[in-house]
């Protein structure tokens, strides 16, 4: 959340909308860092 300056709800919205991989381990949700970085990377021209 801090890396992308987003709230938890905004981050969860992007995860759901773009189908980012996630795994629930107990109370913690682990998100694919590589997929998230690719989503928020600047566009290539």
N, C-alpha and C. Protein backbone atom coordinates (compact mmCIF):
# COMPACT_ATOMS: atom_id res chain seq x y z
N UNK A 1 0.83 -1.18 0.00
CA UNK A 1 0.00 0.00 0.00
C UNK A 1 0.88 1.25 0.00
N UNK A 2 1.92 1.24 0.81
CA UNK A 2 2.78 2.42 0.90
C UNK A 2 3.57 2.63 -0.40
N UNK A 3 3.97 1.53 -1.04
CA UNK A 3 4.78 1.64 -2.26
C UNK A 3 4.02 2.35 -3.37
N UNK A 4 2.73 2.11 -3.47
CA UNK A 4 1.92 2.69 -4.54
C UNK A 4 1.04 3.85 -4.06
N UNK A 5 1.16 4.24 -2.81
CA UNK A 5 0.38 5.34 -2.22
C UNK A 5 -1.12 5.12 -2.43
N UNK A 6 -1.59 3.95 -2.03
CA UNK A 6 -3.00 3.58 -2.18
C UNK A 6 -3.56 3.11 -0.86
N UNK A 7 -4.87 3.18 -0.75
CA UNK A 7 -5.54 2.62 0.41
C UNK A 7 -5.72 1.12 0.18
N UNK A 8 -6.07 0.42 1.22
CA UNK A 8 -6.29 -1.03 1.12
C UNK A 8 -7.43 -1.32 0.15
N UNK A 9 -8.50 -0.53 0.22
CA UNK A 9 -9.65 -0.76 -0.66
C UNK A 9 -9.30 -0.53 -2.13
N UNK A 10 -8.48 0.47 -2.42
CA UNK A 10 -8.06 0.72 -3.80
C UNK A 10 -7.24 -0.45 -4.32
N UNK A 11 -6.33 -0.93 -3.49
CA UNK A 11 -5.48 -2.05 -3.88
C UNK A 11 -6.32 -3.30 -4.15
N UNK A 12 -7.26 -3.60 -3.28
CA UNK A 12 -8.13 -4.76 -3.47
C UNK A 12 -8.98 -4.61 -4.73
N UNK A 13 -9.38 -3.40 -5.07
CA UNK A 13 -10.15 -3.15 -6.29
C UNK A 13 -9.31 -3.53 -7.53
N UNK A 14 -8.05 -3.09 -7.55
CA UNK A 14 -7.18 -3.44 -8.68
C UNK A 14 -6.94 -4.94 -8.75
N UNK A 15 -6.78 -5.59 -7.61
CA UNK A 15 -6.56 -7.03 -7.58
C UNK A 15 -7.76 -7.76 -8.18
N UNK A 16 -8.94 -7.35 -7.82
CA UNK A 16 -10.16 -7.99 -8.32
C UNK A 16 -10.39 -7.68 -9.80
N UNK A 17 -10.20 -6.42 -10.18
CA UNK A 17 -10.47 -6.00 -11.55
C UNK A 17 -9.52 -6.63 -12.55
N UNK A 18 -8.23 -6.66 -12.23
CA UNK A 18 -7.23 -7.14 -13.18
C UNK A 18 -6.80 -8.58 -12.93
N UNK A 19 -7.42 -9.27 -11.99
CA UNK A 19 -7.16 -10.69 -11.78
C UNK A 19 -5.76 -10.98 -11.28
N UNK A 20 -5.24 -10.16 -10.37
CA UNK A 20 -3.92 -10.38 -9.81
C UNK A 20 -3.97 -11.61 -8.90
N UNK A 21 -2.94 -12.45 -8.99
CA UNK A 21 -2.88 -13.67 -8.18
C UNK A 21 -2.76 -13.33 -6.70
N UNK A 22 -3.49 -14.08 -5.87
CA UNK A 22 -3.41 -13.90 -4.43
C UNK A 22 -3.62 -15.24 -3.75
N UNK A 23 -3.04 -15.37 -2.56
CA UNK A 23 -3.15 -16.59 -1.78
C UNK A 23 -3.44 -16.18 -0.34
N UNK A 24 -4.45 -16.77 0.26
CA UNK A 24 -4.79 -16.45 1.63
C UNK A 24 -4.11 -17.47 2.55
N UNK A 25 -3.30 -16.95 3.48
CA UNK A 25 -2.59 -17.78 4.44
C UNK A 25 -3.04 -17.31 5.82
N UNK A 26 -4.01 -18.02 6.39
CA UNK A 26 -4.56 -17.57 7.67
C UNK A 26 -5.31 -16.27 7.49
N UNK A 27 -4.90 -15.25 8.22
CA UNK A 27 -5.53 -13.93 8.11
C UNK A 27 -4.83 -13.05 7.08
N UNK A 28 -3.70 -13.49 6.58
CA UNK A 28 -2.88 -12.67 5.68
C UNK A 28 -3.18 -13.05 4.23
N UNK A 29 -3.28 -12.04 3.36
CA UNK A 29 -3.45 -12.26 1.94
C UNK A 29 -2.14 -11.89 1.26
N UNK A 30 -1.54 -12.86 0.56
CA UNK A 30 -0.29 -12.62 -0.14
C UNK A 30 -0.60 -12.37 -1.61
N UNK A 31 -0.02 -11.29 -2.13
CA UNK A 31 -0.30 -10.84 -3.49
C UNK A 31 0.97 -11.01 -4.32
N UNK A 32 0.82 -11.36 -5.59
CA UNK A 32 1.96 -11.51 -6.48
C UNK A 32 2.60 -10.15 -6.73
N UNK A 33 3.82 -9.96 -6.22
CA UNK A 33 4.53 -8.69 -6.36
C UNK A 33 4.85 -8.40 -7.82
N UNK A 34 5.26 -9.42 -8.56
CA UNK A 34 5.64 -9.23 -9.95
C UNK A 34 4.45 -8.76 -10.79
N UNK A 35 3.28 -9.36 -10.59
CA UNK A 35 2.10 -8.96 -11.35
C UNK A 35 1.67 -7.54 -11.00
N UNK A 36 1.77 -7.18 -9.73
CA UNK A 36 1.39 -5.84 -9.29
C UNK A 36 2.37 -4.81 -9.86
N UNK A 37 3.67 -5.11 -9.86
CA UNK A 37 4.66 -4.20 -10.44
C UNK A 37 4.41 -4.02 -11.93
N UNK A 38 4.07 -5.09 -12.62
CA UNK A 38 3.78 -4.99 -14.06
C UNK A 38 2.55 -4.13 -14.32
N UNK A 39 1.56 -4.23 -13.47
CA UNK A 39 0.33 -3.46 -13.64
C UNK A 39 0.59 -1.96 -13.49
N UNK A 40 1.40 -1.58 -12.51
CA UNK A 40 1.63 -0.17 -12.23
C UNK A 40 2.90 0.39 -12.87
N UNK A 41 3.57 -0.40 -13.70
CA UNK A 41 4.77 0.08 -14.40
C UNK A 41 4.37 1.13 -15.43
N UNK A 42 5.25 2.10 -15.69
CA UNK A 42 4.95 3.10 -16.70
C UNK A 42 4.83 2.44 -18.08
N UNK A 43 3.97 2.97 -18.94
CA UNK A 43 3.78 2.35 -20.26
C UNK A 43 5.04 2.42 -21.10
N UNK A 44 5.26 1.39 -21.91
CA UNK A 44 6.41 1.36 -22.81
C UNK A 44 5.97 1.87 -24.17
N UNK A 45 6.77 2.75 -24.70
CA UNK A 45 6.42 3.36 -26.01
C UNK A 45 7.32 2.81 -27.08
